[in-house]
N, C-alpha and C. Protein backbone atom coordinates (compact mmCIF):
# COMPACT_ATOMS: atom_id res chain seq x y z
N UNK A 1 -23.14 1.11 5.69
CA UNK A 1 -23.53 2.62 5.25
C UNK A 1 -25.19 2.44 4.65
N UNK A 2 -25.60 3.62 4.66
CA UNK A 2 -26.92 3.70 4.02
C UNK A 2 -26.81 4.35 2.66
N UNK A 3 -27.75 4.61 2.06
CA UNK A 3 -28.04 5.32 1.04
C UNK A 3 -27.29 6.69 0.83
N UNK A 4 -26.65 7.02 -0.19
CA UNK A 4 -25.98 8.48 -0.51
C UNK A 4 -27.26 9.34 -0.31
N UNK A 5 -26.80 10.32 0.31
CA UNK A 5 -27.70 11.78 0.64
C UNK A 5 -28.12 12.21 -1.03
N UNK A 6 -29.22 12.87 -0.84
CA UNK A 6 -30.13 13.16 -2.22
C UNK A 6 -29.22 14.30 -2.62
N UNK A 7 -29.42 14.80 -3.90
CA UNK A 7 -28.63 15.66 -4.56
C UNK A 7 -29.18 17.11 -4.75
N UNK A 8 -28.25 17.92 -4.97
CA UNK A 8 -29.31 19.12 -4.98
C UNK A 8 -30.58 19.40 -6.00
N UNK A 9 -31.66 19.83 -5.52
CA UNK A 9 -32.54 19.73 -6.41
C UNK A 9 -33.84 18.63 -6.07
N UNK A 10 -33.21 17.60 -5.38
CA UNK A 10 -33.87 16.35 -4.90
C UNK A 10 -34.81 16.64 -4.04
N UNK A 11 -35.43 15.58 -3.39
CA UNK A 11 -36.70 15.90 -2.24
C UNK A 11 -35.83 14.97 -0.84
N UNK A 12 -36.14 15.14 -0.05
CA UNK A 12 -35.58 14.62 1.23
C UNK A 12 -36.14 13.12 1.11
N UNK A 13 -35.23 12.17 1.48
CA UNK A 13 -35.42 10.85 1.34
C UNK A 13 -36.48 10.45 2.46
N UNK A 14 -36.21 11.48 3.56
CA UNK A 14 -37.33 10.95 4.87
C UNK A 14 -38.66 11.52 4.62
N UNK A 15 -38.82 12.69 4.43
CA UNK A 15 -40.17 13.47 4.46
C UNK A 15 -40.81 13.78 2.92
N UNK A 16 -39.80 13.59 2.11
CA UNK A 16 -40.34 14.08 0.64
C UNK A 16 -40.26 15.63 0.52
N UNK A 17 -39.95 16.28 1.66
CA UNK A 17 -39.66 17.81 1.33
C UNK A 17 -38.79 18.13 0.38
N UNK A 18 -39.00 19.52 -0.05
CA UNK A 18 -37.86 19.93 -1.08
C UNK A 18 -36.54 20.47 -0.24
N UNK A 19 -35.36 19.98 -0.81
CA UNK A 19 -34.06 20.24 -0.07
C UNK A 19 -33.71 21.88 -0.48
N UNK A 20 -33.16 22.51 0.41
CA UNK A 20 -32.29 23.63 0.09
C UNK A 20 -31.09 23.27 -0.50
N UNK A 21 -30.63 24.17 -1.40
CA UNK A 21 -29.29 23.71 -2.17
C UNK A 21 -28.18 24.19 -1.07
N UNK A 22 -28.46 25.00 -0.07
CA UNK A 22 -27.54 25.70 0.71
C UNK A 22 -27.65 25.05 2.40
N UNK A 23 -28.50 24.37 2.70
CA UNK A 23 -28.13 23.67 3.85
C UNK A 23 -27.97 22.21 3.96
N UNK A 24 -27.40 21.94 5.04
CA UNK A 24 -27.09 20.48 5.24
C UNK A 24 -28.25 19.69 6.03
N UNK A 25 -29.45 20.23 6.29
CA UNK A 25 -30.43 19.58 6.81
C UNK A 25 -31.68 19.98 6.12
N UNK A 26 -32.51 18.97 6.04
CA UNK A 26 -33.78 19.32 5.34
C UNK A 26 -34.73 20.44 6.18
N UNK A 27 -35.06 21.32 5.54
CA UNK A 27 -35.88 22.43 6.02
C UNK A 27 -37.25 22.16 6.65
N UNK A 28 -37.70 20.81 6.07
CA UNK A 28 -39.12 20.41 6.71
C UNK A 28 -38.77 19.68 8.00
N UNK A 29 -38.12 18.51 7.43
CA UNK A 29 -38.09 17.51 9.03
C UNK A 29 -36.80 17.63 9.77
N UNK A 30 -35.56 18.29 9.21
CA UNK A 30 -34.31 18.45 9.99
C UNK A 30 -33.63 17.19 9.57
N UNK A 31 -33.74 16.37 8.88
CA UNK A 31 -32.77 15.23 8.61
C UNK A 31 -31.70 15.77 7.82
N UNK A 32 -30.49 15.36 8.47
CA UNK A 32 -29.36 15.42 7.82
C UNK A 32 -29.09 15.08 6.11
N UNK A 33 -28.99 15.81 5.33
CA UNK A 33 -29.02 15.62 3.94
C UNK A 33 -27.76 15.68 3.10
N UNK A 34 -26.70 15.77 4.00
CA UNK A 34 -25.10 15.65 3.69
C UNK A 34 -24.93 17.35 3.15
N UNK A 35 -23.59 17.34 3.25
CA UNK A 35 -23.08 18.85 3.00
C UNK A 35 -23.62 19.13 1.56
N UNK A 36 -23.81 20.51 1.51
CA UNK A 36 -24.44 21.28 0.34
C UNK A 36 -23.42 21.07 -0.90
N UNK A 37 -22.00 21.19 -0.43
CA UNK A 37 -21.12 21.18 -1.49
C UNK A 37 -20.92 19.78 -2.16
N UNK A 38 -21.04 18.76 -1.33
CA UNK A 38 -20.80 17.44 -1.73
C UNK A 38 -22.32 17.18 -2.43
N UNK A 39 -23.25 17.54 -2.22
CA UNK A 39 -24.54 17.31 -2.96
C UNK A 39 -24.44 17.80 -4.23
N UNK A 40 -24.05 19.01 -4.27
CA UNK A 40 -24.07 19.69 -5.79
C UNK A 40 -22.79 19.06 -6.66
N UNK A 41 -21.95 18.35 -5.92
CA UNK A 41 -20.92 17.86 -6.98
C UNK A 41 -21.49 16.68 -7.42
N UNK A 42 -22.46 15.96 -6.83
CA UNK A 42 -23.07 14.88 -7.17
C UNK A 42 -24.20 14.94 -8.25
N UNK A 43 -24.50 16.33 -8.75
CA UNK A 43 -25.39 16.53 -9.83
C UNK A 43 -24.73 15.96 -11.13
N UNK A 44 -25.58 15.38 -12.03
CA UNK A 44 -25.17 14.88 -13.39
C UNK A 44 -24.59 15.71 -14.31
N UNK A 45 -24.92 17.23 -14.21
CA UNK A 45 -24.20 18.07 -14.73
C UNK A 45 -22.82 18.22 -14.30
N UNK A 46 -22.46 17.96 -13.06
CA UNK A 46 -20.87 18.35 -12.55
C UNK A 46 -20.42 16.89 -12.76
N UNK A 47 -21.11 15.52 -12.88
CA UNK A 47 -20.36 14.27 -12.99
C UNK A 47 -20.17 14.25 -14.40
N UNK A 48 -21.04 14.65 -15.35
CA UNK A 48 -20.75 14.75 -16.76
C UNK A 48 -19.30 15.55 -17.10
N UNK A 49 -19.24 16.88 -16.67
CA UNK A 49 -18.10 17.72 -16.61
C UNK A 49 -17.10 16.89 -16.21
N UNK A 50 -17.27 16.36 -15.07
CA UNK A 50 -15.83 15.54 -14.81
C UNK A 50 -15.33 14.45 -15.65
N UNK A 51 -16.32 13.83 -15.99
CA UNK A 51 -16.10 12.58 -17.04
C UNK A 51 -15.52 13.34 -18.43
N UNK A 52 -16.07 14.19 -18.76
CA UNK A 52 -15.34 15.18 -19.80
C UNK A 52 -14.24 15.52 -19.66
N UNK A 53 -13.79 16.21 -18.69
CA UNK A 53 -12.38 16.48 -18.35
C UNK A 53 -11.43 15.34 -18.26
N UNK A 54 -11.99 14.32 -17.49
CA UNK A 54 -11.04 13.15 -17.57
C UNK A 54 -10.54 12.53 -19.07
N UNK A 55 -11.58 12.31 -19.70
CA UNK A 55 -11.36 12.06 -21.18
C UNK A 55 -10.38 13.00 -21.83
N UNK A 56 -10.82 14.13 -21.77
CA UNK A 56 -9.67 15.10 -22.25
C UNK A 56 -8.66 15.15 -22.02
N UNK A 57 -8.16 14.99 -20.71
CA UNK A 57 -6.75 14.68 -20.05
C UNK A 57 -6.20 13.40 -20.59
N UNK A 58 -7.14 12.20 -20.73
CA UNK A 58 -6.55 10.89 -21.44
C UNK A 58 -5.95 11.21 -22.85
N UNK A 59 -6.93 11.78 -23.41
CA UNK A 59 -6.70 12.18 -24.86
C UNK A 59 -5.40 13.04 -25.11
N UNK A 60 -5.03 14.13 -24.23
CA UNK A 60 -4.10 15.03 -24.28
C UNK A 60 -2.61 14.12 -23.89
N UNK A 61 -2.83 13.29 -22.98
CA UNK A 61 -1.72 12.28 -22.34
C UNK A 61 -1.10 11.56 -23.51
N UNK A 62 -2.39 11.05 -24.50
CA UNK A 62 -1.96 10.35 -25.65
C UNK A 62 -1.18 10.98 -26.58
N UNK A 63 -1.41 12.28 -26.95
CA UNK A 63 -0.93 13.25 -27.84
C UNK A 63 0.17 13.52 -27.21
N UNK A 64 0.82 13.53 -26.16
CA UNK A 64 1.94 13.82 -25.57
C UNK A 64 2.92 12.81 -25.43
N UNK A 65 2.37 11.50 -25.51
CA UNK A 65 2.86 10.21 -25.48
C UNK A 65 3.10 9.72 -23.85
N UNK A 66 2.31 10.36 -23.15
CA UNK A 66 2.12 9.87 -21.85
C UNK A 66 0.95 8.91 -21.23
N UNK A 67 0.62 8.20 -22.40
CA UNK A 67 -0.51 7.28 -22.12
C UNK A 67 -0.41 6.19 -20.91
N UNK A 68 0.87 5.79 -20.81
CA UNK A 68 1.25 4.79 -19.82
C UNK A 68 1.34 5.67 -18.52
N UNK A 69 1.81 6.66 -18.29
CA UNK A 69 2.01 7.65 -17.33
C UNK A 69 0.49 7.92 -16.86
N UNK A 70 -0.42 8.24 -17.81
CA UNK A 70 -1.66 8.50 -17.28
C UNK A 70 -2.49 7.64 -16.61
N UNK A 71 -2.21 6.27 -17.31
CA UNK A 71 -2.86 4.93 -16.76
C UNK A 71 -2.36 4.69 -15.42
N UNK A 72 -0.97 4.73 -15.13
CA UNK A 72 -0.38 4.50 -13.68
C UNK A 72 -0.94 5.33 -12.58
N UNK A 73 -1.23 6.73 -13.20
CA UNK A 73 -1.63 7.54 -12.21
C UNK A 73 -3.37 7.23 -11.95
N UNK A 74 -3.82 6.64 -12.89
CA UNK A 74 -5.30 6.50 -12.51
C UNK A 74 -5.19 5.32 -11.50
N UNK A 75 -4.31 4.14 -12.05
CA UNK A 75 -4.37 3.23 -11.07
C UNK A 75 -3.90 3.16 -9.56
N UNK A 76 -3.05 4.39 -9.51
CA UNK A 76 -2.48 4.52 -8.09
C UNK A 76 -3.71 5.44 -7.40
N UNK A 77 -4.30 6.20 -8.13
CA UNK A 77 -5.40 6.80 -7.16
C UNK A 77 -6.53 6.07 -6.86
N UNK A 78 -6.89 5.11 -7.88
CA UNK A 78 -7.91 3.94 -7.65
C UNK A 78 -7.57 3.05 -6.63
N UNK A 79 -6.19 2.55 -6.47
CA UNK A 79 -5.72 1.50 -5.65
C UNK A 79 -4.94 2.02 -4.14
N UNK A 80 -4.70 3.23 -4.41
CA UNK A 80 -3.81 3.61 -3.08
C UNK A 80 -4.29 4.86 -2.56
N UNK A 81 -5.29 5.72 -3.01
CA UNK A 81 -5.83 6.89 -2.34
C UNK A 81 -6.53 6.63 -1.42
N UNK A 82 -6.81 7.82 -0.42
CA UNK A 82 -7.32 7.70 0.68
C UNK A 82 -8.24 8.98 1.02
N UNK A 83 -9.13 8.80 2.00
CA UNK A 83 -9.53 10.10 2.67
C UNK A 83 -8.80 10.97 3.47
N UNK A 84 -8.81 12.41 3.22
CA UNK A 84 -8.02 13.05 4.19
C UNK A 84 -9.12 14.09 4.76
N UNK A 85 -8.75 14.26 6.27
CA UNK A 85 -9.64 15.07 6.92
C UNK A 85 -8.88 16.23 7.36
N UNK A 86 -9.11 17.50 7.09
CA UNK A 86 -8.33 18.81 7.29
C UNK A 86 -9.03 19.30 8.82
N UNK A 87 -8.02 19.46 9.60
CA UNK A 87 -8.60 20.13 10.98
C UNK A 87 -7.30 20.62 11.74
N UNK A 88 -7.76 21.69 12.71
CA UNK A 88 -6.61 22.33 13.00
C UNK A 88 -5.90 21.18 14.04
N UNK A 89 -4.63 21.63 14.07
CA UNK A 89 -3.46 20.80 14.84
C UNK A 89 -4.13 20.57 16.41
N UNK A 90 -4.78 21.48 16.89
CA UNK A 90 -5.21 21.32 18.33
C UNK A 90 -6.07 20.45 18.48
N UNK A 91 -7.00 20.16 17.25
CA UNK A 91 -8.44 19.23 17.31
C UNK A 91 -7.67 17.89 17.19
N UNK A 92 -6.69 17.56 16.42
CA UNK A 92 -6.19 16.40 16.11
C UNK A 92 -5.44 15.84 17.18
N UNK A 93 -4.64 16.89 18.05
CA UNK A 93 -4.08 16.38 18.91
C UNK A 93 -4.72 15.83 20.14
N UNK A 94 -5.95 16.69 20.32
CA UNK A 94 -7.08 16.20 21.21
C UNK A 94 -7.38 14.56 20.91
N UNK A 95 -7.82 14.50 19.87
CA UNK A 95 -8.17 13.30 19.41
C UNK A 95 -7.26 12.13 19.79
N UNK A 96 -5.87 12.57 19.74
CA UNK A 96 -4.88 11.51 20.02
C UNK A 96 -4.63 11.39 21.49
N UNK A 97 -5.02 12.28 22.13
CA UNK A 97 -4.56 12.48 23.75
C UNK A 97 -5.76 12.06 24.64
N UNK A 98 -6.85 12.22 23.97
CA UNK A 98 -8.11 11.89 24.91
C UNK A 98 -8.94 10.63 24.27
N UNK A 99 -8.69 9.40 24.81
CA UNK A 99 -9.28 8.27 24.16
C UNK A 99 -11.00 8.41 24.28
N UNK A 100 -11.72 9.21 24.86
CA UNK A 100 -12.99 9.38 24.79
C UNK A 100 -13.27 10.42 23.87
N UNK A 101 -12.55 10.91 23.08
CA UNK A 101 -12.88 11.90 21.93
C UNK A 101 -13.21 10.98 20.82
N UNK A 102 -12.67 9.93 20.74
CA UNK A 102 -12.87 9.15 19.59
C UNK A 102 -14.40 8.40 19.80
């Protein structure tokens, strides 16, 4: 895999043009810069907020006597979670029925 797409407010890694926060392609060179919602989630502001929420949840779990359950959940997510792709049933069916669609 290549480098991660740039985040909102960044510049295009290919042409150094300014990125639009709402488009998946660089408005200057047309390079795919990733989904706007994903780029926005990768901003320092959002990542810091996510870390703060996790720490608050860990603290609340401790207050409620659920520290071990919280740790077990973290481990399960880290070790056993996977990517989920949502699509209409007809699209999924075609992927399985037509070997050339993959």
